[in-house]
Protein backbone atom coordinates (compact mmCIF):
# COMPACT_ATOMS: atom_id res chain seq x y z
CA MET A 1 -37.49 39.84 -62.96
CA ARG A 2 -34.76 42.31 -64.26
CA ASP A 3 -32.52 41.18 -61.23
CA ARG A 4 -33.05 37.72 -62.41
CA TRP A 5 -31.76 38.54 -65.86
CA VAL A 6 -28.77 40.41 -64.61
CA LEU A 7 -27.80 37.80 -62.26
CA ALA A 8 -28.34 35.22 -64.98
CA ILE A 9 -26.19 37.09 -67.34
CA ARG A 10 -23.36 37.14 -64.51
CA VAL A 11 -23.82 33.72 -63.90
CA GLY A 12 -23.58 33.00 -67.91
CA PHE A 13 -20.34 35.46 -68.30
CA THR A 14 -18.80 33.53 -65.14
CA TYR A 15 -19.25 30.01 -67.14
CA ILE A 16 -17.60 31.41 -69.90
CA GLY A 17 -14.87 33.33 -68.23
CA THR A 18 -14.13 29.80 -66.10
CA VAL A 19 -13.66 27.88 -69.63
CA VAL A 20 -11.86 30.46 -71.80
CA GLY A 21 -8.31 30.74 -70.86
CA ALA A 22 -4.87 31.07 -72.02
CA GLY A 23 -5.17 28.58 -74.82
CA PHE A 24 -8.52 29.95 -76.05
CA ALA A 25 -7.30 33.50 -76.23
CA SER A 26 -4.39 32.76 -77.97
CA GLY A 27 -6.44 30.37 -80.63
CA GLN A 28 -4.00 27.33 -79.89
CA GLU A 29 -7.14 25.29 -78.26
CA ILE A 30 -9.65 26.08 -81.28
CA LEU A 31 -6.88 25.79 -84.02
CA HIS A 32 -6.28 21.95 -82.26
CA PHE A 33 -9.67 20.89 -81.09
CA PHE A 34 -11.96 22.49 -84.44
CA THR A 35 -10.16 24.31 -87.32
CA VAL A 36 -7.95 21.61 -88.30
CA PHE A 37 -11.22 19.68 -89.10
CA GLY A 38 -12.18 22.04 -91.90
CA LYS A 39 -15.62 22.10 -92.83
CA TYR A 40 -16.64 19.70 -89.96
CA SER A 41 -15.37 22.34 -87.19
CA HIS A 42 -18.69 24.07 -87.55
CA TRP A 43 -20.48 21.08 -86.71
CA GLY A 44 -18.21 19.97 -83.63
CA ILE A 45 -18.77 23.79 -82.55
CA ILE A 46 -22.36 23.60 -82.60
CA ILE A 47 -22.48 20.10 -80.83
CA CYS A 48 -20.05 21.66 -77.99
CA ALA A 49 -22.50 24.80 -77.59
CA GLY A 50 -25.39 22.16 -77.26
CA LEU A 51 -23.42 20.33 -74.68
CA PHE A 52 -22.13 23.06 -72.57
CA SER A 53 -25.31 24.51 -72.46
CA TRP A 54 -26.99 21.45 -71.26
CA LEU A 55 -24.38 19.95 -69.00
CA GLY A 56 -23.32 23.08 -67.59
CA THR A 57 -26.72 24.17 -66.32
CA ARG A 58 -27.44 20.27 -65.26
CA MET A 59 -23.99 20.59 -63.08
CA MET A 60 -25.20 24.05 -61.37
CA ILE A 61 -28.61 22.60 -61.14
CA MET A 62 -27.10 19.63 -58.87
CA GLY A 63 -24.80 21.88 -57.04
CA ASN A 64 -28.33 23.94 -56.07
CA ARG A 65 -29.90 20.69 -55.04
CA LEU A 66 -26.93 19.36 -53.22
CA ASN A 67 -26.42 22.53 -51.69
CA ALA A 68 -22.72 22.36 -52.64
CA ARG A 69 -19.81 24.38 -50.97
CA SER A 70 -17.21 22.86 -53.22
CA TYR A 71 -16.93 19.93 -56.12
CA GLU A 72 -16.50 17.43 -53.35
CA GLU A 73 -20.25 16.94 -52.72
CA PHE A 74 -20.84 17.03 -56.46
CA ASN A 75 -18.31 14.33 -57.04
CA HIS A 76 -19.48 11.96 -54.20
CA TYR A 77 -23.07 12.02 -55.67
CA LEU A 78 -21.93 11.29 -59.06
CA PHE A 79 -19.38 8.48 -58.28
CA GLY A 80 -20.15 7.51 -54.42
CA GLU A 81 -18.54 7.99 -51.28
CA ARG A 82 -15.44 5.66 -52.02
CA TRP A 83 -15.00 6.74 -55.89
CA GLY A 84 -16.03 9.96 -55.09
CA ARG A 85 -12.88 10.62 -52.89
CA TRP A 86 -10.47 9.74 -55.52
CA MET A 87 -12.57 11.66 -58.16
CA THR A 88 -12.02 14.85 -55.96
CA ALA A 89 -8.38 14.16 -55.65
CA PHE A 90 -8.10 13.95 -59.34
CA VAL A 91 -10.02 17.00 -60.28
CA GLY A 92 -7.83 18.89 -57.52
CA VAL A 93 -4.85 17.41 -59.66
CA ILE A 94 -6.67 18.92 -62.64
CA LEU A 95 -7.06 22.32 -61.21
CA PHE A 96 -3.77 22.54 -59.83
CA GLY A 97 -2.06 21.52 -63.05
CA VAL A 98 -4.29 24.07 -65.24
CA THR A 99 -3.52 26.90 -62.77
CA THR A 100 0.01 26.21 -63.18
CA ALA A 101 -0.28 26.18 -66.99
CA MET A 102 -2.24 29.48 -66.72
CA MET A 103 0.53 31.13 -64.60
CA SER A 104 3.41 30.04 -66.72
CA GLY A 105 1.17 31.42 -69.74
CA THR A 106 1.04 34.81 -68.15
CA GLY A 107 4.34 34.81 -67.37
CA ALA A 108 5.49 34.01 -71.13
CA LEU A 109 2.95 36.49 -72.52
CA PHE A 110 4.57 39.17 -70.45
CA GLU A 111 8.19 37.99 -71.50
CA GLU A 112 7.39 37.36 -75.23
CA GLN A 113 5.01 40.06 -75.85
CA ILE A 114 5.81 43.08 -73.56
CA GLY A 115 9.35 42.32 -72.82
CA LEU A 116 9.17 42.12 -69.06
CA SER A 117 10.57 39.09 -66.89
CA PHE A 118 8.69 36.33 -66.98
CA HIS A 119 8.68 36.04 -63.26
CA VAL A 120 7.07 39.76 -63.28
CA GLY A 121 4.37 38.44 -65.33
CA VAL A 122 3.61 35.40 -63.02
CA ILE A 123 3.96 37.30 -59.58
CA PHE A 124 1.75 40.55 -60.74
CA THR A 125 -1.13 38.16 -62.16
CA ALA A 126 -1.05 35.91 -58.75
CA VAL A 127 -1.37 38.92 -56.82
CA VAL A 128 -4.17 40.42 -58.74
CA SER A 129 -5.76 37.04 -58.65
CA TYR A 130 -5.46 37.12 -55.11
CA LEU A 131 -7.20 40.13 -54.79
CA VAL A 132 -9.92 39.24 -56.43
CA ILE A 133 -10.40 35.59 -54.99
CA ILE A 134 -10.27 36.77 -50.98
CA ARG A 135 -13.87 38.53 -52.16
CA GLY A 136 -15.30 35.15 -52.79
CA MET A 137 -18.07 34.37 -55.23
CA GLU A 138 -18.81 38.12 -55.82
CA GLY A 139 -15.55 38.97 -56.69
CA ILE A 140 -15.23 36.20 -59.28
CA LEU A 141 -18.88 37.11 -61.08
CA SER A 142 -17.56 40.95 -60.95
CA VAL A 143 -14.58 40.41 -62.77
CA ASN A 144 -16.00 38.21 -65.37
CA SER A 145 -18.88 40.68 -66.13
CA LEU A 146 -15.82 43.26 -67.08
CA VAL A 147 -13.69 40.91 -68.87
CA VAL A 148 -16.40 38.51 -70.85
CA PRO A 149 -17.93 41.79 -73.02
CA LEU A 150 -14.03 42.42 -73.48
CA MET A 151 -13.96 38.96 -75.06
CA PHE A 152 -17.19 39.10 -77.22
CA LEU A 153 -15.99 42.31 -78.38
CA PHE A 154 -12.63 41.55 -79.48
CA THR A 155 -13.78 37.90 -81.20
CA SER A 156 -16.49 40.07 -83.12
CA LEU A 157 -13.90 42.39 -84.66
CA VAL A 158 -11.41 39.29 -85.83
CA ALA A 159 -14.64 38.06 -87.17
CA ILE A 160 -15.87 40.95 -88.94
CA HIS A 161 -12.38 41.75 -90.38
CA GLY A 162 -12.21 38.08 -91.71
CA TRP A 163 -15.26 38.35 -93.32
CA GLN A 164 -14.60 41.61 -95.33
CA SER A 165 -10.88 40.36 -96.08
CA GLY A 166 -11.35 36.65 -96.90
CA ASP A 167 -13.05 34.11 -99.19
CA TRP A 168 -15.68 33.11 -96.49
CA SER A 169 -17.68 31.18 -98.66
CA SER A 170 -14.47 28.47 -99.03
CA ASN A 171 -15.24 27.60 -95.11
CA ALA A 172 -18.01 25.51 -95.94
CA SER A 173 -16.19 22.87 -98.28
CA MET A 174 -12.71 23.19 -96.67
CA PRO A 175 -10.99 19.70 -96.24
CA PRO A 176 -10.17 18.79 -93.00
CA VAL A 177 -6.03 18.56 -92.48
CA ALA A 178 -6.00 16.36 -89.25
CA GLU A 179 -5.38 12.75 -89.81
CA ASP A 180 -4.72 11.53 -86.12
CA ASN A 181 -8.40 12.18 -84.82
CA HIS A 182 -12.22 12.67 -85.96
CA TRP A 183 -14.15 15.96 -85.18
CA PHE A 184 -16.57 14.46 -83.17
CA LEU A 185 -14.32 12.84 -80.60
CA SER A 186 -12.15 16.14 -80.58
CA ALA A 187 -15.05 18.24 -79.76
CA LEU A 188 -16.34 15.53 -76.92
CA THR A 189 -12.98 15.75 -75.55
CA TYR A 190 -13.06 19.76 -75.38
CA VAL A 191 -16.42 19.64 -73.56
CA ALA A 192 -15.00 16.90 -71.32
CA PHE A 193 -11.95 18.86 -70.23
CA ASN A 194 -13.82 21.95 -69.71
CA LEU A 195 -16.64 20.83 -67.83
CA ALA A 196 -14.07 18.70 -65.43
CA MET A 197 -12.59 21.63 -64.73
CA SER A 198 -15.34 24.17 -64.62
CA GLN A 199 -17.18 22.03 -61.73
CA ALA A 200 -14.69 23.69 -59.20
CA VAL A 201 -16.81 27.28 -60.28
CA LEU A 202 -20.20 26.12 -61.70
CA VAL A 203 -21.13 23.54 -58.57
CA PRO A 204 -20.38 26.15 -55.73
CA LEU A 205 -21.91 28.70 -57.92
CA GLY A 206 -25.50 26.82 -58.19
CA GLY A 207 -25.26 26.19 -54.52
CA GLU A 208 -24.86 29.88 -53.78
CA VAL A 209 -27.75 30.87 -56.58
CA LYS A 210 -30.99 29.70 -55.05
CA ASP A 211 -33.26 30.54 -57.89
CA GLN A 212 -32.91 27.58 -60.27
CA ALA A 213 -34.76 29.52 -62.89
CA THR A 214 -31.92 32.08 -62.92
CA ILE A 215 -29.57 29.13 -63.08
CA ARG A 216 -30.88 27.50 -66.06
CA ILE A 217 -30.77 30.87 -68.09
CA GLY A 218 -27.15 31.81 -67.04
CA GLY A 219 -26.16 28.13 -68.17
CA TRP A 220 -27.63 28.53 -71.44
CA ILE A 221 -26.15 32.10 -71.86
CA GLY A 222 -22.92 30.69 -70.93
CA GLY A 223 -23.32 27.52 -73.23
CA ILE A 224 -24.64 29.69 -76.33
CA GLY A 225 -22.04 32.35 -76.04
CA LEU A 226 -18.77 30.17 -75.78
CA GLY A 227 -20.52 28.57 -79.27
CA LEU A 228 -20.62 32.27 -80.95
CA MET A 229 -16.79 32.94 -79.35
CA LEU A 230 -15.63 29.76 -80.95
CA LEU A 231 -17.50 30.17 -84.31
CA ALA A 232 -15.93 33.84 -84.76
CA SER A 233 -12.57 32.55 -83.85
CA ASN A 234 -12.77 29.38 -85.79
CA PHE A 235 -13.92 31.29 -88.74
CA ALA A 236 -11.09 33.89 -89.05
CA MET A 237 -8.47 31.04 -88.39
CA GLN A 238 -10.11 28.87 -91.36
CA LEU A 239 -9.25 31.81 -93.58
CA GLN A 240 -5.28 31.81 -93.17
CA LEU A 241 -5.09 28.02 -92.04
CA ASP A 242 -2.15 27.41 -94.15
CA GLU A 243 -0.03 30.04 -92.42
CA LEU A 244 -1.24 29.07 -88.78
CA THR A 245 -0.38 25.49 -88.77
CA ASP A 246 3.42 26.44 -87.23
CA THR A 247 2.81 29.23 -85.30
CA GLU A 248 2.31 28.96 -81.22
CA ILE A 249 -0.06 32.13 -81.12
CA PRO A 250 -2.11 31.77 -84.06
CA MET A 251 -4.56 34.66 -83.05
CA ALA A 252 -1.61 36.93 -82.84
CA PHE A 253 -0.73 36.21 -86.62
CA ILE A 254 -4.34 37.14 -87.63
CA ILE A 255 -4.62 40.46 -85.88
CA GLN A 256 -1.39 41.61 -87.42
CA ALA A 257 -3.56 43.50 -90.35
CA LEU A 258 -5.71 45.14 -87.92
CA GLY A 259 -2.83 47.35 -86.55
CA ALA A 260 -0.55 48.03 -83.38
CA GLY A 261 -3.53 48.92 -81.34
CA MET A 262 -5.55 45.64 -81.88
CA LYS A 263 -2.42 43.87 -80.68
CA TYR A 264 -2.61 45.78 -76.99
CA PHE A 265 -6.07 44.91 -76.91
CA PHE A 266 -5.39 41.54 -77.97
CA LEU A 267 -2.71 41.19 -75.18
CA THR A 268 -5.54 42.66 -72.78
CA VAL A 269 -8.07 40.37 -73.40
CA MET A 270 -5.64 37.34 -73.44
CA TRP A 271 -4.38 38.40 -69.71
CA GLY A 272 -8.18 38.89 -68.72
CA GLU A 273 -9.03 35.41 -69.85
CA ILE A 274 -6.22 33.96 -67.98
CA ILE A 275 -7.09 35.89 -64.79
CA THR A 276 -10.80 34.76 -65.19
CA THR A 277 -9.71 30.84 -65.59
CA LEU A 278 -7.23 31.23 -62.90
CA ILE A 279 -9.47 32.83 -60.17
CA GLY A 280 -12.13 30.00 -60.68
CA ASN A 281 -9.50 27.08 -60.53
CA VAL A 282 -7.68 28.51 -57.36
CA TYR A 283 -11.24 29.46 -55.78
CA GLY A 284 -12.69 26.09 -56.44
CA LEU A 285 -9.34 24.29 -55.17
CA ALA A 286 -9.19 26.58 -51.83
CA ALA A 287 -12.73 25.65 -51.05
CA ASN A 288 -12.48 21.73 -51.23
CA LEU A 289 -8.81 21.79 -49.41
CA GLY A 290 -10.32 24.31 -46.62
CA GLN A 291 -12.43 21.24 -45.61
CA VAL A 292 -9.42 19.00 -44.87
CA ILE A 293 -6.66 21.21 -44.49
CA PRO A 294 -7.04 23.57 -40.87
CA LEU A 295 -5.94 26.83 -42.44
CA ARG A 296 -7.55 30.01 -43.29
CA PRO A 297 -9.09 30.12 -47.06
CA GLN A 298 -6.78 33.25 -47.49
CA THR A 299 -3.67 31.20 -46.65
CA ILE A 300 -4.67 28.03 -48.55
CA MET A 301 -5.15 30.38 -51.79
CA ALA A 302 -1.60 32.18 -51.13
CA LEU A 303 -0.01 28.61 -50.86
CA ILE A 304 -1.93 27.34 -54.14
CA PHE A 305 -0.38 30.56 -55.62
CA ILE A 306 3.30 30.00 -54.35
CA PHE A 307 3.55 26.37 -55.42
CA GLY A 308 1.87 27.50 -58.70
CA TYR A 309 4.66 29.87 -59.40
CA LEU A 310 7.04 27.11 -58.57
CA PHE A 311 5.76 24.38 -61.10
CA SER A 312 4.99 27.05 -63.88
CA LEU A 313 9.07 27.29 -64.36
CA ILE A 314 8.24 23.77 -66.27
CA GLY A 315 6.89 25.96 -69.29
CA PHE A 316 3.85 26.55 -70.63
CA PRO A 317 4.01 24.45 -74.04
CA THR A 318 5.32 21.18 -72.03
CA LEU A 319 2.30 21.53 -69.56
CA VAL A 320 -0.51 22.07 -72.25
CA SER A 321 0.99 19.23 -74.44
CA TYR A 322 0.68 16.74 -71.78
CA LEU A 323 -2.03 17.63 -69.36
CA TYR A 324 -4.70 18.91 -71.55
CA PRO A 325 -5.36 15.81 -73.89
CA PHE A 326 -5.02 13.72 -70.63
CA PHE A 327 -7.40 15.45 -68.34
CA GLY A 328 -9.81 15.50 -71.64
CA TYR A 329 -9.99 12.15 -71.92
CA CYS A 330 -10.75 11.39 -68.29
CA GLY A 331 -13.17 13.92 -68.14
CA MET A 332 -15.34 12.07 -70.33
CA ILE A 333 -16.01 9.77 -67.44
CA VAL A 334 -17.70 12.93 -65.61
CA ILE A 335 -19.63 13.96 -68.76
CA GLY A 336 -21.08 10.06 -68.66
CA LEU A 337 -22.28 10.45 -65.39
CA LEU A 338 -23.44 13.49 -65.29
CA ILE A 339 -25.93 12.54 -68.22
CA LEU A 340 -26.75 9.19 -66.55
CA ARG A 341 -27.28 10.56 -62.81
CA ARG A 342 -30.69 12.08 -62.17
CA ILE A 343 -30.72 15.62 -60.62
CA PRO A 344 -31.15 15.00 -56.83
CA GLY A 345 -34.68 15.54 -55.52
CA SER A 346 -36.16 15.03 -59.10
């Protein structure tokens, strides 16, 4: 029983680590998808937590029943053989696009916050990620088991500081400032994008973890954990929403009051979140490409990092502005079929 819970926690942490990334750590995603909706943001996050728990678990169970090695088998089951090939290719574009954004984000982090070269940041992160990925799923589980607790600690400290220093009771009545979107659609888009991206890890993870009870526990740990982290970060940002609307890294503005030491802790956590998303994306993309390209997995991974580095020169803000919303709306198709399709063998 103890072994089941240990593995379930590792599965849940891997789920969390796959979803969060530079946009989450910086606070930009949370501000855009939730905080700007004021008092309704809490409801959006609660709905997100429920959908992440339910649909993420369902995705892993499907991977388990299909004995999937990559997300290709999953898409073929959802969409059929013909359309499944197109969806697999589309997910590959998503993964490469987000991989590029993560690499560009880590370059910007090193350049703007540490004072090192953009290229040093990207190359160093790529090398570390490569050394993790060549260990396979065990490497991904191990890194997330280390990084995700640090994420929880950071968001908890930020929320506690906000609770002690701000007028938290005003959050319950805060009016929305977003005018071009609805809070429910925004929450649904956030889940859709992240689940479409996370299938690269969740599907083969489900295929590798044979015990379905462990998968279910891990899926709910991941979904609830994501919800708690979103609530904590959203709560802290709502207290200073007026000052955050024009900032590129909202969370960096919030932690200024916590001292210089907290700044470096934040940078470490942000870099760790980039790593967890990056390794998940490259692992899933390489697993899929390995079925059609006659090269060793390590070679395919190296090539992904090389091309990712070249495309990362486009710039992080440009990539996020155009790629993320588009992928989110397309990911709703995956959510719809994930709900409607019966789990294989049931």
